[in-house]
Amino acid sequence: MALGRALILAMLTLLACDVIGGFIAVASGVDTWDHAWGFDTEYTVPLPVGVLAVAQAKRLRRQR
């Protein structure tokens, strides 16, 4: 049970850092909105992948 919580916390932290980094990249003009969170991004995790990872972590937690 503790492992599931730790995994969810780690994934949410990663997702939050990714979103903040994307906003910084867009605000500084390094990246565009579409490129910052799309599948061909170079600087961040694609947003859909991060959301799916959190969903998977929650699903694994429920199975235990």
PDB file of N, CA and C in Angstrom:
ATOM      1  N   MET A   1       0.826  -1.192   0.000  1.00  0.00           N
ATOM      2  CA  MET A   1       0.000   0.000   0.000  1.00  0.00           C
ATOM      3  C   MET A   1       0.872   1.259   0.000  1.00  0.00           C
ATOM      4  N   ALA A   2       1.934   1.266   0.781  1.00  0.00           N
ATOM      5  CA  ALA A   2       2.805   2.435   0.844  1.00  0.00           C
ATOM      6  C   ALA A   2       3.520   2.652  -0.489  1.00  0.00           C
ATOM      7  N   LEU A   3       3.847   1.556  -1.175  1.00  0.00           N
ATOM      8  CA  LEU A   3       4.509   1.676  -2.470  1.00  0.00           C
ATOM      9  C   LEU A   3       3.599   2.344  -3.491  1.00  0.00           C
ATOM     10  N   GLY A   4       2.302   2.006  -3.476  1.00  0.00           N
ATOM     11  CA  GLY A   4       1.348   2.633  -4.388  1.00  0.00           C
ATOM     12  C   GLY A   4       1.233   4.128  -4.133  1.00  0.00           C
ATOM     13  N   ARG A   5       1.181   4.514  -2.874  1.00  0.00           N
ATOM     14  CA  ARG A   5       1.112   5.941  -2.531  1.00  0.00           C
ATOM     15  C   ARG A   5       2.377   6.676  -2.954  1.00  0.00           C
ATOM     16  N   ALA A   6       3.518   6.058  -2.736  1.00  0.00           N
ATOM     17  CA  ALA A   6       4.781   6.680  -3.116  1.00  0.00           C
ATOM     18  C   ALA A   6       4.862   6.853  -4.634  1.00  0.00           C
ATOM     19  N   LEU A   7       4.376   5.860  -5.371  1.00  0.00           N
ATOM     20  CA  LEU A   7       4.393   5.943  -6.827  1.00  0.00           C
ATOM     21  C   LEU A   7       3.475   7.063  -7.321  1.00  0.00           C
ATOM     22  N   ILE A   8       2.282   7.148  -6.736  1.00  0.00           N
ATOM     23  CA  ILE A   8       1.357   8.210  -7.133  1.00  0.00           C
ATOM     24  C   ILE A   8       1.940   9.575  -6.795  1.00  0.00           C
ATOM     25  N   LEU A   9       2.515   9.726  -5.615  1.00  0.00           N
ATOM     26  CA  LEU A   9       3.125  11.000  -5.223  1.00  0.00           C
ATOM     27  C   LEU A   9       4.280  11.365  -6.155  1.00  0.00           C
ATOM     28  N   ALA A  10       5.099  10.388  -6.504  1.00  0.00           N
ATOM     29  CA  ALA A  10       6.215  10.647  -7.413  1.00  0.00           C
ATOM     30  C   ALA A  10       5.720  11.059  -8.796  1.00  0.00           C
ATOM     31  N   MET A  11       4.691  10.391  -9.298  1.00  0.00           N
ATOM     32  CA  MET A  11       4.169  10.731 -10.623  1.00  0.00           C
ATOM     33  C   MET A  11       3.497  12.096 -10.631  1.00  0.00           C
ATOM     34  N   LEU A  12       2.769  12.426  -9.571  1.00  0.00           N
ATOM     35  CA  LEU A  12       2.144  13.748  -9.489  1.00  0.00           C
ATOM     36  C   LEU A  12       3.197  14.847  -9.386  1.00  0.00           C
ATOM     37  N   THR A  13       4.272  14.577  -8.654  1.00  0.00           N
ATOM     38  CA  THR A  13       5.369  15.535  -8.553  1.00  0.00           C
ATOM     39  C   THR A  13       6.035  15.729  -9.911  1.00  0.00           C
ATOM     40  N   LEU A  14       6.280  14.635 -10.618  1.00  0.00           N
ATOM     41  CA  LEU A  14       6.865  14.712 -11.954  1.00  0.00           C
ATOM     42  C   LEU A  14       5.960  15.485 -12.905  1.00  0.00           C
ATOM     43  N   LEU A  15       4.665  15.212 -12.852  1.00  0.00           N
ATOM     44  CA  LEU A  15       3.711  15.895 -13.717  1.00  0.00           C
ATOM     45  C   LEU A  15       3.659  17.392 -13.396  1.00  0.00           C
ATOM     46  N   ALA A  16       3.676  17.738 -12.110  1.00  0.00           N
ATOM     47  CA  ALA A  16       3.661  19.158 -11.718  1.00  0.00           C
ATOM     48  C   ALA A  16       4.926  19.869 -12.202  1.00  0.00           C
ATOM     49  N   CYS A  17       6.072  19.233 -12.027  1.00  0.00           N
ATOM     50  CA  CYS A  17       7.331  19.835 -12.503  1.00  0.00           C
ATOM     51  C   CYS A  17       7.319  19.981 -14.014  1.00  0.00           C
ATOM     52  N   ASP A  18       6.756  19.013 -14.701  1.00  0.00           N
ATOM     53  CA  ASP A  18       6.681  19.061 -16.155  1.00  0.00           C
ATOM     54  C   ASP A  18       5.801  20.220 -16.622  1.00  0.00           C
ATOM     55  N   VAL A  19       4.654  20.392 -15.982  1.00  0.00           N
ATOM     56  CA  VAL A  19       3.746  21.481 -16.363  1.00  0.00           C
ATOM     57  C   VAL A  19       4.392  22.832 -16.074  1.00  0.00           C
ATOM     58  N   ILE A  20       5.026  22.957 -14.915  1.00  0.00           N
ATOM     59  CA  ILE A  20       5.710  24.211 -14.580  1.00  0.00           C
ATOM     60  C   ILE A  20       6.827  24.484 -15.582  1.00  0.00           C
ATOM     61  N   GLY A  21       7.597  23.465 -15.919  1.00  0.00           N
ATOM     62  CA  GLY A  21       8.663  23.628 -16.909  1.00  0.00           C
ATOM     63  C   GLY A  21       8.131  24.019 -18.269  1.00  0.00           C
ATOM     64  N   GLY A  22       6.994  23.451 -18.649  1.00  0.00           N
ATOM     65  CA  GLY A  22       6.373  23.819 -19.917  1.00  0.00           C
ATOM     66  C   GLY A  22       5.949  25.272 -19.944  1.00  0.00           C
ATOM     67  N   PHE A  23       5.352  25.730 -18.834  1.00  0.00           N
ATOM     68  CA  PHE A  23       4.964  27.140 -18.751  1.00  0.00           C
ATOM     69  C   PHE A  23       6.176  28.064 -18.824  1.00  0.00           C
ATOM     70  N   ILE A  24       7.251  27.678 -18.168  1.00  0.00           N
ATOM     71  CA  ILE A  24       8.474  28.491 -18.216  1.00  0.00           C
ATOM     72  C   ILE A  24       9.027  28.527 -19.636  1.00  0.00           C
ATOM     73  N   ALA A  25       9.027  27.385 -20.312  1.00  0.00           N
ATOM     74  CA  ALA A  25       9.536  27.338 -21.687  1.00  0.00           C
ATOM     75  C   ALA A  25       8.697  28.200 -22.624  1.00  0.00           C
ATOM     76  N   VAL A  26       7.381  28.165 -22.451  1.00  0.00           N
ATOM     77  CA  VAL A  26       6.495  28.974 -23.297  1.00  0.00           C
ATOM     78  C   VAL A  26       6.656  30.450 -22.963  1.00  0.00           C
ATOM     79  N   ALA A  27       6.720  30.779 -21.678  1.00  0.00           N
ATOM     80  CA  ALA A  27       6.839  32.182 -21.265  1.00  0.00           C
ATOM     81  C   ALA A  27       8.160  32.804 -21.710  1.00  0.00           C
ATOM     82  N   SER A  28       9.209  32.006 -21.756  1.00  0.00           N
ATOM     83  CA  SER A  28      10.506  32.543 -22.163  1.00  0.00           C
ATOM     84  C   SER A  28      10.688  32.545 -23.676  1.00  0.00           C
ATOM     85  N   GLY A  29       9.745  31.970 -24.397  1.00  0.00           N
ATOM     86  CA  GLY A  29       9.813  31.969 -25.851  1.00  0.00           C
ATOM     87  C   GLY A  29      10.628  30.838 -26.445  1.00  0.00           C
ATOM     88  N   VAL A  30      11.059  29.904 -25.618  1.00  0.00           N
ATOM     89  CA  VAL A  30      11.855  28.772 -26.102  1.00  0.00           C
ATOM     90  C   VAL A  30      10.988  27.769 -26.850  1.00  0.00           C
ATOM     91  N   ASP A  31       9.719  27.662 -26.439  1.00  0.00           N
ATOM     92  CA  ASP A  31       8.818  26.658 -26.985  1.00  0.00           C
ATOM     93  C   ASP A  31       7.442  27.259 -27.237  1.00  0.00           C
ATOM     94  N   THR A  32       6.639  26.564 -28.027  1.00  0.00           N
ATOM     95  CA  THR A  32       5.249  26.963 -28.257  1.00  0.00           C
ATOM     96  C   THR A  32       4.350  26.058 -27.419  1.00  0.00           C
ATOM     97  N   TRP A  33       3.075  26.435 -27.282  1.00  0.00           N
ATOM     98  CA  TRP A  33       2.137  25.633 -26.500  1.00  0.00           C
ATOM     99  C   TRP A  33       2.034  24.213 -27.062  1.00  0.00           C
ATOM    100  N   ASP A  34       1.861  24.093 -28.368  1.00  0.00           N
ATOM    101  CA  ASP A  34       1.699  22.773 -28.980  1.00  0.00           C
ATOM    102  C   ASP A  34       2.942  21.912 -28.835  1.00  0.00           C
ATOM    103  N   HIS A  35       4.081  22.532 -28.987  1.00  0.00           N
ATOM    104  CA  HIS A  35       5.322  21.773 -28.930  1.00  0.00           C
ATOM    105  C   HIS A  35       5.718  21.436 -27.491  1.00  0.00           C
ATOM    106  N   ALA A  36       5.367  22.289 -26.536  1.00  0.00           N
ATOM    107  CA  ALA A  36       5.766  22.062 -25.146  1.00  0.00           C
ATOM    108  C   ALA A  36       5.145  20.798 -24.565  1.00  0.00           C
ATOM    109  N   TRP A  37       3.914  20.474 -24.971  1.00  0.00           N
ATOM    110  CA  TRP A  37       3.257  19.310 -24.397  1.00  0.00           C
ATOM    111  C   TRP A  37       2.808  18.302 -25.442  1.00  0.00           C
ATOM    112  N   GLY A  38       3.288  18.414 -26.647  1.00  0.00           N
ATOM    113  CA  GLY A  38       2.935  17.457 -27.693  1.00  0.00           C
ATOM    114  C   GLY A  38       3.823  16.227 -27.631  1.00  0.00           C
ATOM    115  N   PHE A  39       3.597  15.308 -28.551  1.00  0.00           N
ATOM    116  CA  PHE A  39       4.373  14.068 -28.551  1.00  0.00           C
ATOM    117  C   PHE A  39       5.768  14.224 -29.144  1.00  0.00           C
ATOM    118  N   ASP A  40       6.046  15.307 -29.840  1.00  0.00           N
ATOM    119  CA  ASP A  40       7.391  15.500 -30.395  1.00  0.00           C
ATOM    120  C   ASP A  40       8.180  16.539 -29.608  1.00  0.00           C
ATOM    121  N   THR A  41       7.918  16.634 -28.323  1.00  0.00           N
ATOM    122  CA  THR A  41       8.601  17.578 -27.455  1.00  0.00           C
ATOM    123  C   THR A  41      10.031  17.131 -27.174  1.00  0.00           C
ATOM    124  N   GLU A  42      10.887  18.098 -26.895  1.00  0.00           N
ATOM    125  CA  GLU A  42      12.283  17.798 -26.584  1.00  0.00           C
ATOM    126  C   GLU A  42      12.620  18.092 -25.124  1.00  0.00           C
ATOM    127  N   TYR A  43      11.824  18.910 -24.466  1.00  0.00           N
ATOM    128  CA  TYR A  43      12.182  19.391 -23.136  1.00  0.00           C
ATOM    129  C   TYR A  43      11.314  18.851 -22.015  1.00  0.00           C
ATOM    130  N   THR A  44      10.123  18.403 -22.304  1.00  0.00           N
ATOM    131  CA  THR A  44       9.210  17.941 -21.267  1.00  0.00           C
ATOM    132  C   THR A  44       8.637  16.583 -21.639  1.00  0.00           C
ATOM    133  N   VAL A  45       7.993  15.956 -20.671  1.00  0.00           N
ATOM    134  CA  VAL A  45       7.275  14.708 -20.924  1.00  0.00           C
ATOM    135  C   VAL A  45       5.967  15.085 -21.615  1.00  0.00           C
ATOM    136  N   PRO A  46       5.592  14.400 -22.675  1.00  0.00           N
ATOM    137  CA  PRO A  46       4.304  14.726 -23.294  1.00  0.00           C
ATOM    138  C   PRO A  46       3.187  14.643 -22.255  1.00  0.00           C
ATOM    139  N   LEU A  47       2.361  15.654 -22.184  1.00  0.00           N
ATOM    140  CA  LEU A  47       1.318  15.726 -21.167  1.00  0.00           C
ATOM    141  C   LEU A  47       0.415  14.502 -21.163  1.00  0.00           C
ATOM    142  N   PRO A  48      -0.034  13.990 -22.314  1.00  0.00           N
ATOM    143  CA  PRO A  48      -0.874  12.780 -22.274  1.00  0.00           C
ATOM    144  C   PRO A  48      -0.166  11.583 -21.644  1.00  0.00           C
ATOM    145  N   VAL A  49       1.129  11.474 -21.837  1.00  0.00           N
ATOM    146  CA  VAL A  49       1.884  10.363 -21.256  1.00  0.00           C
ATOM    147  C   VAL A  49       1.929  10.502 -19.736  1.00  0.00           C
ATOM    148  N   GLY A  50       2.127  11.716 -19.250  1.00  0.00           N
ATOM    149  CA  GLY A  50       2.126  11.946 -17.807  1.00  0.00           C
ATOM    150  C   GLY A  50       0.794  11.639 -17.172  1.00  0.00           C
ATOM    151  N   VAL A  51      -0.278  12.031 -17.813  1.00  0.00           N
ATOM    152  CA  VAL A  51      -1.624  11.764 -17.284  1.00  0.00           C
ATOM    153  C   VAL A  51      -1.894  10.257 -17.274  1.00  0.00           C
ATOM    154  N   LEU A  52      -1.513   9.575 -18.332  1.00  0.00           N
ATOM    155  CA  LEU A  52      -1.710   8.125 -18.379  1.00  0.00           C
ATOM    156  C   LEU A  52      -0.875   7.408 -17.317  1.00  0.00           C
ATOM    157  N   ALA A  53       0.322   7.905 -17.031  1.00  0.00           N
ATOM    158  CA  ALA A  53       1.166   7.287 -16.000  1.00  0.00           C
ATOM    159  C   ALA A  53       0.523   7.422 -14.626  1.00  0.00           C
ATOM    160  N   VAL A  54      -0.045   8.584 -14.328  1.00  0.00           N
ATOM    161  CA  VAL A  54      -0.728   8.769 -13.045  1.00  0.00           C
ATOM    162  C   VAL A  54      -1.951   7.862 -12.964  1.00  0.00           C
ATOM    163  N   ALA A  55      -2.701   7.762 -14.041  1.00  0.00           N
ATOM    164  CA  ALA A  55      -3.876   6.883 -14.059  1.00  0.00           C
ATOM    165  C   ALA A  55      -3.473   5.430 -13.836  1.00  0.00           C
ATOM    166  N   GLN A  56      -2.389   5.011 -14.435  1.00  0.00           N
ATOM    167  CA  GLN A  56      -1.908   3.638 -14.255  1.00  0.00           C
ATOM    168  C   GLN A  56      -1.474   3.403 -12.817  1.00  0.00           C
ATOM    169  N   ALA A  57      -0.820   4.377 -12.214  1.00  0.00           N
ATOM    170  CA  ALA A  57      -0.398   4.231 -10.823  1.00  0.00           C
ATOM    171  C   ALA A  57      -1.607   4.097  -9.908  1.00  0.00           C
ATOM    172  N   LYS A  58      -2.659   4.860 -10.181  1.00  0.00           N
ATOM    173  CA  LYS A  58      -3.876   4.746  -9.373  1.00  0.00           C
ATOM    174  C   LYS A  58      -4.540   3.378  -9.563  1.00  0.00           C
ATOM    175  N   ARG A  59      -4.527   2.887 -10.806  1.00  0.00           N
ATOM    176  CA  ARG A  59      -5.133   1.588 -11.085  1.00  0.00           C
ATOM    177  C   ARG A  59      -4.358   0.477 -10.357  1.00  0.00           C
ATOM    178  N   LEU A  60      -3.037   0.552 -10.368  1.00  0.00           N
ATOM    179  CA  LEU A  60      -2.231  -0.447  -9.655  1.00  0.00           C
ATOM    180  C   LEU A  60      -2.492  -0.401  -8.160  1.00  0.00           C
ATOM    181  N   ARG A  61      -2.691   0.800  -7.643  1.00  0.00           N
ATOM    182  CA  ARG A  61      -2.954   0.938  -6.208  1.00  0.00           C
ATOM    183  C   ARG A  61      -4.276   0.269  -5.832  1.00  0.00           C
ATOM    184  N   ARG A  62      -5.291   0.410  -6.688  1.00  0.00           N
ATOM    185  CA  ARG A  62      -6.595  -0.195  -6.413  1.00  0.00           C
ATOM    186  C   ARG A  62      -6.542  -1.724  -6.478  1.00  0.00           C
ATOM    187  N   GLN A  63      -5.641  -2.281  -7.286  1.00  0.00           N
ATOM    188  CA  GLN A  63      -5.554  -3.734  -7.438  1.00  0.00           C
ATOM    189  C   GLN A  63      -4.995  -4.404  -6.201  1.00  0.00           C
ATOM    190  N   ARG A  64      -4.218  -3.709  -5.430  1.00  0.00           N
ATOM    191  CA  ARG A  64      -3.584  -4.303  -4.259  1.00  0.00           C
ATOM    192  C   ARG A  64      -4.548  -4.463  -3.188  1.00  0.00           C
TER     193      ARG A  64
END
